[in-house]
Each structure stands twice: as structure tokens, then as C-alpha cells.
């Protein structure tokens, strides 16, 4: 079994992934600033938490010694969060990245898996956006996500293997749950308000991926041999849907789960949101045999169950569910 360091391992995806890896017998080191708390983390013999900043090379180096795999999830996620303080976000999402790669390689890490983003493609009316599609970022968040990719590639060789993943927008329940992502936002409002507001007209397309499948793709890379895919880039997505279609899926599932009479959907066309893209994930299926097994309905139902079981208390007001609100309160520097 591997010893894996996961930057940002206390976050949304990491909160589910780290537990899965621990149960598989891996030793897992979570390296995280813990901006969103640690109540959902239970340390054990094989799961350790190090509270650290990826901009601190000395602490990172101390933490990565003995690890054979690094999965780099940590970043200021999504456009609104990045825009809160662009210079700060750049230091976290880009400036320190090369040091992380360099330090990992120097200390004997064999695999470095980088979580980029499908948003690097920006707006595209191409019906199938593959990994070869030009990167046309609309925001600095997208831009710096993409700029890290060639840096990693420049350090790869026969002893240091790396893969770049461009995931879709993640949805569904995880122990640390974000409710500021499209499907999750819509579900939160449908459950608590019996009403969904769709901004930007609803015709924008979004690629979506269940958080369980996001974890499965990382687990596959961690457990597999990356020699034959060294330096490769993979889109990881499943269902490409218009926002209005997501709203309809959410409304249907929430209505049935809670036996509500109706879920109102209000479309606002005066709000401009031009991000729209249709991601093709054929490559990861063809090359690695990876296929998602959960759909958007599964994601919505997982959230409904969490609401019913009291796992998402104060979901409309608690800032821990929102990256922007949390970072504003912490005034991170």
C-alpha cells in the first residue's frame, strides 16, 4: 500500500477520498490549512492530519518525507472565491506550485497527480471539448489552473510520474459538503425553500460529476501504474446538462423524496453568465477504462438523504458550506 499526501485533503472531495483510501489500507497524510474545520476528520493509525499551508515549503517538505504519492487538490476554488483577493489567490493557486512539484520529486515521491479544472476551456460551442481543445480561460482562476499543467510536465521523467485531471463541477454529498456548486445549490434551495432560481437564462451547459466518481478516478490513479500515461491529461466528467435541465432534475428528485406538492422553478434571464462548455471524457474511458457509475439523480438523492438525516444543519445560513463566505470571514492572507 502507498503512503499518500493529499493537499487540501480536508475539503469537499478530500473529506470523502481520504476515508476511502484509509479503508483500502493506504497511509494517508492530509495537508490542509483547515479553513473549513476538522470536525469531519477522524485521525487514526493510517490517517494523519497536518495543519499546513502549501505556501510553506519547509513544512511541506517535512510532511512529504516518506510519501510515494502526492495528490494536489488544494487551491482557492472557483471564480468567486479567487476574485475575493486575486493576489492572494495567485500565491496559493500558482506561485507555490513549482515548489510543491520540485520538493516532491527531490524527496522520492513517485507519483504526482494534479487536479486542474475543466473550466480551463472557458466558453466553447464545440459539441465535444476534448483534452486537445485550446485553453481559453475566462477568469484568472481558470488561467492559473491551466498554467500549472506545463510546470508539472517539465519535471516528469522515468522515476517521477505525473497525471493531470480536469474534473467537471462536482456534486453530491460528502462529509465536508459544499453547497455553493450548481447541483448542490439547486438542491439546497429546493429542499428548504421549495423554490429554485435559475440565473442567466438557464441555457448554459455545465459538465457534472458525482463526488463519488471524482474519488473513484483518483483512487484508480493512486492504485495504478502511471508509467504508460506519464504526462497525460484527462477530462473527468459525466453528464453535460443545461442549468435549466439540472433544475428540473433536482426539482423532480426533491419533490419525490420529500413528497412535496411542488417545487417552483423561476428563470431569470437578466443575469449574465456566459460560461458554457460540453466536456468529452472518452479518453479516460479508452485509455484507463474509467467510467462514472453515479449520475445527477444519485447526487441529488445523496443530498436529500443527508438533509433528512440531519447531516447538513443550518444549510441556508452556515458559512461553512460556502467557500466565499468562509474566506470572507477568515480574511485569509
Protein backbone atom coordinates (compact mmCIF):
# COMPACT_ATOMS: atom_id res chain seq x y z
CA UNK A 1 0.00 0.00 0.00
CA UNK A 2 1.05 3.58 -0.64
CA UNK A 3 1.71 6.48 1.65
CA UNK A 4 -0.18 9.39 0.12
CA UNK A 5 -0.05 13.09 0.91
CA UNK A 6 -3.18 14.95 -0.16
CA UNK A 7 -3.04 18.72 -0.19
CA UNK A 8 -6.50 20.11 0.52
CA UNK A 9 -7.49 16.72 1.89
CA UNK A 10 -9.86 18.25 4.44
CA UNK A 11 -12.01 19.82 1.71
CA UNK A 12 -15.08 18.66 -0.19
CA UNK A 13 -13.56 15.90 -2.35
CA UNK A 14 -10.80 15.14 0.15
CA UNK A 15 -13.22 14.54 3.01
CA UNK A 16 -14.62 11.51 1.15
CA UNK A 17 -11.47 10.41 -0.68
CA UNK A 18 -9.17 10.26 2.34
CA UNK A 19 -11.57 7.97 4.20
CA UNK A 20 -11.90 5.69 1.16
CA UNK A 21 -8.12 5.40 0.84
CA UNK A 22 -7.71 4.71 4.54
CA UNK A 23 -10.26 1.89 4.31
CA UNK A 24 -8.30 0.44 1.37
CA UNK A 25 -5.25 0.14 3.63
CA UNK A 26 -3.24 3.14 2.45
CA UNK A 27 -1.45 5.51 4.80
CA UNK A 28 -2.90 8.96 4.22
CA UNK A 29 -1.49 12.35 5.20
CA UNK A 30 -3.94 15.24 4.94
CA UNK A 31 -2.04 18.50 4.44
CA UNK A 32 -4.51 21.37 4.75
CA UNK A 33 -4.96 24.85 6.21
CA UNK A 34 -8.26 23.61 7.68
CA UNK A 35 -10.13 26.83 6.84
CA UNK A 36 -13.37 24.82 6.84
CA UNK A 37 -12.83 22.98 10.09
CA UNK A 38 -11.79 19.46 11.04
CA UNK A 39 -14.89 18.04 12.75
CA UNK A 40 -15.36 15.61 9.87
CA UNK A 41 -11.83 14.17 10.17
CA UNK A 42 -11.10 11.26 12.48
CA UNK A 43 -7.39 10.58 12.72
CA UNK A 44 -6.17 7.01 13.07
CA UNK A 45 -3.03 4.96 12.66
CA UNK A 46 -3.32 5.30 8.89
CA UNK A 47 -4.89 8.76 8.63
CA UNK A 48 -2.95 11.77 9.85
CA UNK A 49 -3.80 15.47 9.66
CA UNK A 50 -1.12 18.12 9.30
CA UNK A 51 -2.33 21.69 9.51
CA UNK A 52 -0.13 23.42 6.98
CA UNK A 53 -0.08 25.95 4.16
CA UNK A 54 1.16 24.86 0.73
CA UNK A 55 2.99 28.19 0.57
CA UNK A 56 5.25 26.98 3.41
CA UNK A 57 7.92 24.91 1.61
CA UNK A 58 9.74 23.84 4.79
CA UNK A 59 6.61 22.42 6.41
CA UNK A 60 5.52 20.80 3.18
CA UNK A 61 8.93 19.14 2.79
CA UNK A 62 8.82 17.81 6.35
CA UNK A 63 5.34 16.44 5.68
CA UNK A 64 6.07 14.77 2.33
CA UNK A 65 9.10 12.77 3.50
CA UNK A 66 8.32 9.06 3.20
CA UNK A 67 5.37 9.56 0.85
CA UNK A 68 5.36 7.93 -2.57
CA UNK A 69 2.31 9.75 -3.94
CA UNK A 70 1.14 13.38 -3.83
CA UNK A 71 -2.39 14.32 -4.87
CA UNK A 72 -2.65 18.08 -5.19
CA UNK A 73 -6.22 19.26 -4.56
CA UNK A 74 -5.51 22.41 -2.54
CA UNK A 75 -6.43 25.74 -4.11
CA UNK A 76 -8.73 28.71 -3.78
CA UNK A 77 -11.63 27.07 -5.56
CA UNK A 78 -13.93 28.60 -8.15
CA UNK A 79 -14.10 32.05 -9.71
CA UNK A 80 -15.93 34.00 -6.96
CA UNK A 81 -13.54 32.76 -4.25
CA UNK A 82 -10.49 33.58 -6.36
CA UNK A 83 -11.78 37.08 -7.09
CA UNK A 84 -12.04 37.97 -3.38
CA UNK A 85 -8.29 38.59 -3.32
CA UNK A 86 -6.64 37.89 -6.64
CA UNK A 87 -3.06 38.43 -5.50
CA UNK A 88 -3.55 36.10 -2.52
CA UNK A 89 -5.25 33.50 -4.70
CA UNK A 90 -2.39 33.63 -7.20
CA UNK A 91 0.14 32.82 -4.45
CA UNK A 92 -1.90 29.74 -3.49
CA UNK A 93 -3.05 28.51 -6.91
CA UNK A 94 0.09 29.23 -8.94
CA UNK A 95 3.15 30.77 -7.30
CA UNK A 96 3.87 27.89 -4.93
CA UNK A 97 3.03 25.10 -7.37
CA UNK A 98 6.51 24.56 -8.81
CA UNK A 99 7.99 24.30 -5.30
CA UNK A 100 5.49 21.57 -4.43
CA UNK A 101 6.49 19.58 -7.51
CA UNK A 102 10.20 20.18 -7.01
CA UNK A 103 10.13 19.25 -3.31
CA UNK A 104 8.06 16.14 -4.02
CA UNK A 105 10.49 14.90 -6.66
CA UNK A 106 13.53 15.69 -4.51
CA UNK A 107 12.13 13.62 -1.64
CA UNK A 108 11.44 10.48 -3.62
CA UNK A 109 7.76 10.87 -4.48
CA UNK A 110 6.97 8.59 -7.41
CA UNK A 111 3.55 9.95 -8.45
CA UNK A 112 2.20 13.48 -8.57
CA UNK A 113 -1.47 13.83 -9.51
CA UNK A 114 -2.67 17.37 -10.21
CA UNK A 115 -6.31 18.42 -10.01
CA UNK A 116 -6.75 21.10 -12.67
CA UNK A 117 -10.24 22.06 -13.88
CA UNK A 118 -12.50 21.63 -16.90
CA UNK A 119 -13.16 25.36 -16.62
CA UNK A 120 -9.79 25.99 -18.32
CA UNK A 121 -11.64 25.66 -21.64
CA UNK A 122 -13.74 28.77 -20.98
CA UNK A 123 -16.67 29.29 -23.34
CA UNK A 124 -16.95 26.88 -26.24
CA UNK A 125 -19.76 25.93 -28.61
CA UNK A 126 -17.80 22.85 -29.66
CA UNK A 127 -20.11 19.85 -29.08
CA UNK A 128 -17.18 17.80 -27.77
CA UNK A 129 -14.44 19.58 -25.84
CA UNK A 130 -11.57 17.10 -25.66
CA UNK A 131 -8.21 17.44 -23.92
CA UNK A 132 -6.73 18.87 -27.15
CA UNK A 133 -9.16 21.81 -27.15
CA UNK A 134 -7.42 25.21 -26.80
CA UNK A 135 -7.41 26.69 -23.32
CA UNK A 136 -9.32 29.97 -23.41
CA UNK A 137 -9.78 30.86 -19.74
CA UNK A 138 -12.38 33.48 -18.92
CA UNK A 139 -11.05 34.20 -15.44
CA UNK A 140 -7.78 34.23 -13.52
CA UNK A 141 -8.86 31.12 -11.63
CA UNK A 142 -9.12 29.23 -14.93
CA UNK A 143 -5.90 30.78 -16.22
CA UNK A 144 -3.70 29.78 -13.30
CA UNK A 145 -5.20 26.28 -13.13
CA UNK A 146 -4.07 25.80 -16.71
CA UNK A 147 -0.65 27.43 -16.23
CA UNK A 148 0.33 24.84 -13.60
CA UNK A 149 -0.06 21.96 -16.04
CA UNK A 150 3.11 22.50 -18.14
CA UNK A 151 5.14 23.13 -14.97
CA UNK A 152 4.35 19.63 -13.73
CA UNK A 153 5.09 18.14 -17.15
CA UNK A 154 8.55 19.74 -17.20
CA UNK A 155 9.63 17.74 -14.11
CA UNK A 156 8.35 14.33 -15.18
CA UNK A 157 10.74 11.51 -16.09
CA UNK A 158 11.16 7.75 -15.73
CA UNK A 159 11.22 7.92 -11.93
CA UNK A 160 8.72 10.74 -11.33
CA UNK A 161 5.35 10.17 -12.97
CA UNK A 162 2.51 12.63 -13.17
CA UNK A 163 -1.04 12.91 -14.47
CA UNK A 164 -3.29 15.95 -14.84
CA UNK A 165 -7.03 15.66 -14.24
CA UNK A 166 -9.52 18.24 -15.49
CA UNK A 167 -12.66 17.46 -13.49
CA UNK A 168 -16.16 18.71 -14.10
CA UNK A 169 -18.23 20.52 -11.49
CA UNK A 170 -18.63 18.09 -8.61
CA UNK A 171 -21.95 17.36 -6.94
CA UNK A 172 -23.42 15.15 -4.23
CA UNK A 173 -22.89 14.62 -0.52
CA UNK A 174 -19.50 14.32 1.21
CA UNK A 175 -18.57 14.66 4.92
CA UNK A 176 -17.43 18.24 4.31
CA UNK A 177 -20.11 19.35 1.91
CA UNK A 178 -20.06 22.40 -0.33
CA UNK A 179 -23.43 23.91 -1.12
CA UNK A 180 -22.06 26.60 -3.45
CA UNK A 181 -21.83 24.41 -6.58
CA UNK A 182 -24.62 24.27 -9.16
CA UNK A 183 -26.42 20.97 -8.42
CA UNK A 184 -25.84 21.33 -4.68
CA UNK A 185 -27.08 24.94 -4.65
CA UNK A 186 -30.24 24.00 -6.51
CA UNK A 187 -30.89 21.05 -4.18
CA UNK A 188 -30.40 23.14 -1.04
CA UNK A 189 -32.96 25.69 -2.22
CA UNK A 190 -35.40 23.07 -3.42
CA UNK A 191 -35.31 21.24 -0.07
CA UNK A 192 -35.52 24.32 2.13
CA UNK A 193 -37.47 26.84 0.04
CA UNK A 194 -39.38 24.57 -2.35
CA UNK A 195 -38.19 27.02 -5.00
CA UNK A 196 -35.24 27.13 -7.40
CA UNK A 197 -34.00 30.32 -9.05
CA UNK A 198 -32.09 29.74 -12.28
CA UNK A 199 -29.76 32.61 -13.21
CA UNK A 200 -28.51 33.57 -16.65
CA UNK A 201 -31.44 32.14 -18.56
CA UNK A 202 -30.58 28.52 -17.86
CA UNK A 203 -29.32 27.62 -21.34
CA UNK A 204 -25.66 27.48 -20.27
CA UNK A 205 -24.20 23.99 -20.31
CA UNK A 206 -22.20 22.57 -17.42
CA UNK A 207 -20.30 19.29 -17.17
CA UNK A 208 -21.15 17.49 -13.93
CA UNK A 209 -19.55 14.71 -11.90
CA UNK A 210 -20.68 12.91 -8.76
CA UNK A 211 -18.20 13.36 -5.90
CA UNK A 212 -18.09 9.58 -5.55
CA UNK A 213 -16.86 9.24 -9.13
CA UNK A 214 -14.34 12.02 -8.64
CA UNK A 215 -12.90 9.98 -5.76
CA UNK A 216 -13.01 6.77 -7.80
CA UNK A 217 -10.91 8.35 -10.56
CA UNK A 218 -8.26 9.49 -8.07
CA UNK A 219 -8.27 6.09 -6.36
CA UNK A 220 -7.66 4.43 -9.73
CA UNK A 221 -4.66 6.66 -10.42
CA UNK A 222 -3.25 6.18 -6.92
CA UNK A 223 -3.62 2.40 -7.09
CA UNK A 224 -2.41 2.07 -10.69
CA UNK A 225 0.87 2.33 -12.57
CA UNK A 226 1.22 5.72 -14.26
CA UNK A 227 4.25 4.86 -16.39
CA UNK A 228 2.25 4.43 -19.59
CA UNK A 229 0.24 7.62 -19.04
CA UNK A 230 3.05 9.80 -17.70
CA UNK A 231 2.29 13.44 -18.53
CA UNK A 232 -1.19 12.72 -19.86
CA UNK A 233 -4.22 14.97 -19.31
CA UNK A 234 -7.67 13.52 -18.71
CA UNK A 235 -11.07 15.15 -18.61
CA UNK A 236 -13.27 13.57 -15.94
CA UNK A 237 -16.93 14.34 -16.47
CA UNK A 238 -20.22 12.56 -16.91
CA UNK A 239 -23.42 14.39 -17.69
CA UNK A 240 -23.29 17.65 -19.66
CA UNK A 241 -26.51 19.49 -18.89
CA UNK A 242 -28.03 22.93 -19.27
CA UNK A 243 -28.64 24.68 -15.94
CA UNK A 244 -32.38 24.55 -16.57
CA UNK A 245 -32.12 20.78 -17.07
CA UNK A 246 -30.25 20.47 -13.76
CA UNK A 247 -33.01 22.45 -12.06
CA UNK A 248 -35.65 20.10 -13.49
CA UNK A 249 -33.73 17.00 -12.32
CA UNK A 250 -33.32 18.49 -8.85
CA UNK A 251 -36.99 19.51 -8.61
CA UNK A 252 -38.19 16.05 -9.65
CA UNK A 253 -36.00 14.18 -7.14
CA UNK A 254 -36.58 16.52 -4.19
CA UNK A 255 -40.33 16.53 -4.80
CA UNK A 256 -40.46 12.73 -4.84
CA UNK A 257 -38.06 12.22 -1.92
CA UNK A 258 -39.83 14.61 0.46
CA UNK A 259 -43.29 14.12 -1.03
CA UNK A 260 -43.63 17.86 -1.70
CA UNK A 261 -46.63 19.12 -3.66
CA UNK A 262 -44.49 21.25 -5.94
CA UNK A 263 -41.04 22.77 -6.49
CA UNK A 264 -41.20 26.14 -8.24
CA UNK A 265 -38.54 26.93 -10.85
CA UNK A 266 -38.03 30.63 -11.63
CA UNK A 267 -35.77 31.57 -14.54
CA UNK A 268 -34.05 34.96 -14.51
CA UNK A 269 -32.74 35.95 -17.91
CA UNK A 270 -31.36 39.35 -16.94
CA UNK A 271 -28.38 37.86 -15.13
CA UNK A 272 -25.44 37.27 -17.47
CA UNK A 273 -23.41 34.09 -17.06
CA UNK A 274 -21.66 33.10 -20.26
CA UNK A 275 -19.70 30.08 -19.01
CA UNK A 276 -20.84 27.20 -21.19
CA UNK A 277 -18.97 24.14 -22.36
CA UNK A 278 -19.59 20.48 -23.18
CA UNK A 279 -16.74 18.28 -21.95
CA UNK A 280 -15.84 15.00 -23.64
CA UNK A 281 -14.41 12.30 -21.35
CA UNK A 282 -13.89 9.50 -23.88
CA UNK A 283 -10.11 9.50 -23.40
CA UNK A 284 -10.07 8.36 -19.77
CA UNK A 285 -12.51 5.56 -20.65
CA UNK A 286 -10.48 4.44 -23.67
CA UNK A 287 -7.02 4.69 -22.06
CA UNK A 288 -7.72 3.79 -18.43
CA UNK A 289 -11.11 2.09 -18.59
CA UNK A 290 -12.67 4.57 -16.19
CA UNK A 291 -16.42 5.12 -16.38
CA UNK A 292 -18.60 7.06 -13.92
CA UNK A 293 -21.21 4.99 -12.11
CA UNK A 294 -23.28 7.72 -10.43
CA UNK A 295 -25.50 10.27 -12.17
CA UNK A 296 -27.00 13.62 -11.18
CA UNK A 297 -30.10 11.92 -9.78
CA UNK A 298 -27.81 9.94 -7.44
CA UNK A 299 -26.12 13.16 -6.33
CA UNK A 300 -29.42 14.86 -5.54
CA UNK A 301 -30.73 11.84 -3.65
CA UNK A 302 -27.49 11.62 -1.61
CA UNK A 303 -28.03 15.24 -0.58
CA UNK A 304 -31.71 14.62 0.22
CA UNK A 305 -30.73 11.73 2.49
CA UNK A 306 -28.15 13.93 4.21
CA UNK A 307 -30.76 16.63 4.80
CA UNK A 308 -33.20 14.06 6.16
CA UNK A 309 -30.55 12.59 8.48
CA UNK A 310 -29.58 16.00 9.86
CA UNK A 311 -26.09 15.96 8.34
CA UNK A 312 -26.48 19.41 6.77
CA UNK A 313 -27.81 21.60 9.60
CA UNK A 314 -28.40 25.34 9.01
CA UNK A 315 -27.62 24.82 5.34
CA UNK A 316 -29.05 28.18 4.27
CA UNK A 317 -27.11 30.23 6.82
CA UNK A 318 -23.93 28.42 7.98
CA UNK A 319 -20.93 29.83 6.11
CA UNK A 320 -19.01 26.55 6.25
CA UNK A 321 -20.95 25.37 3.19
CA UNK A 322 -19.72 28.32 1.10
CA UNK A 323 -16.12 28.96 0.12
CA UNK A 324 -16.67 32.66 -0.49
CA UNK A 325 -18.44 33.29 2.82
CA UNK A 326 -15.82 31.36 4.79
CA UNK A 327 -12.87 33.11 3.18
CA UNK A 328 -14.51 36.49 3.71
CA UNK A 329 -14.95 35.82 7.40
CA UNK A 330 -11.42 34.44 7.88
CA UNK A 331 -9.89 37.30 5.89
CA UNK A 332 -7.19 34.90 4.73
CA UNK A 333 -3.77 36.36 3.99
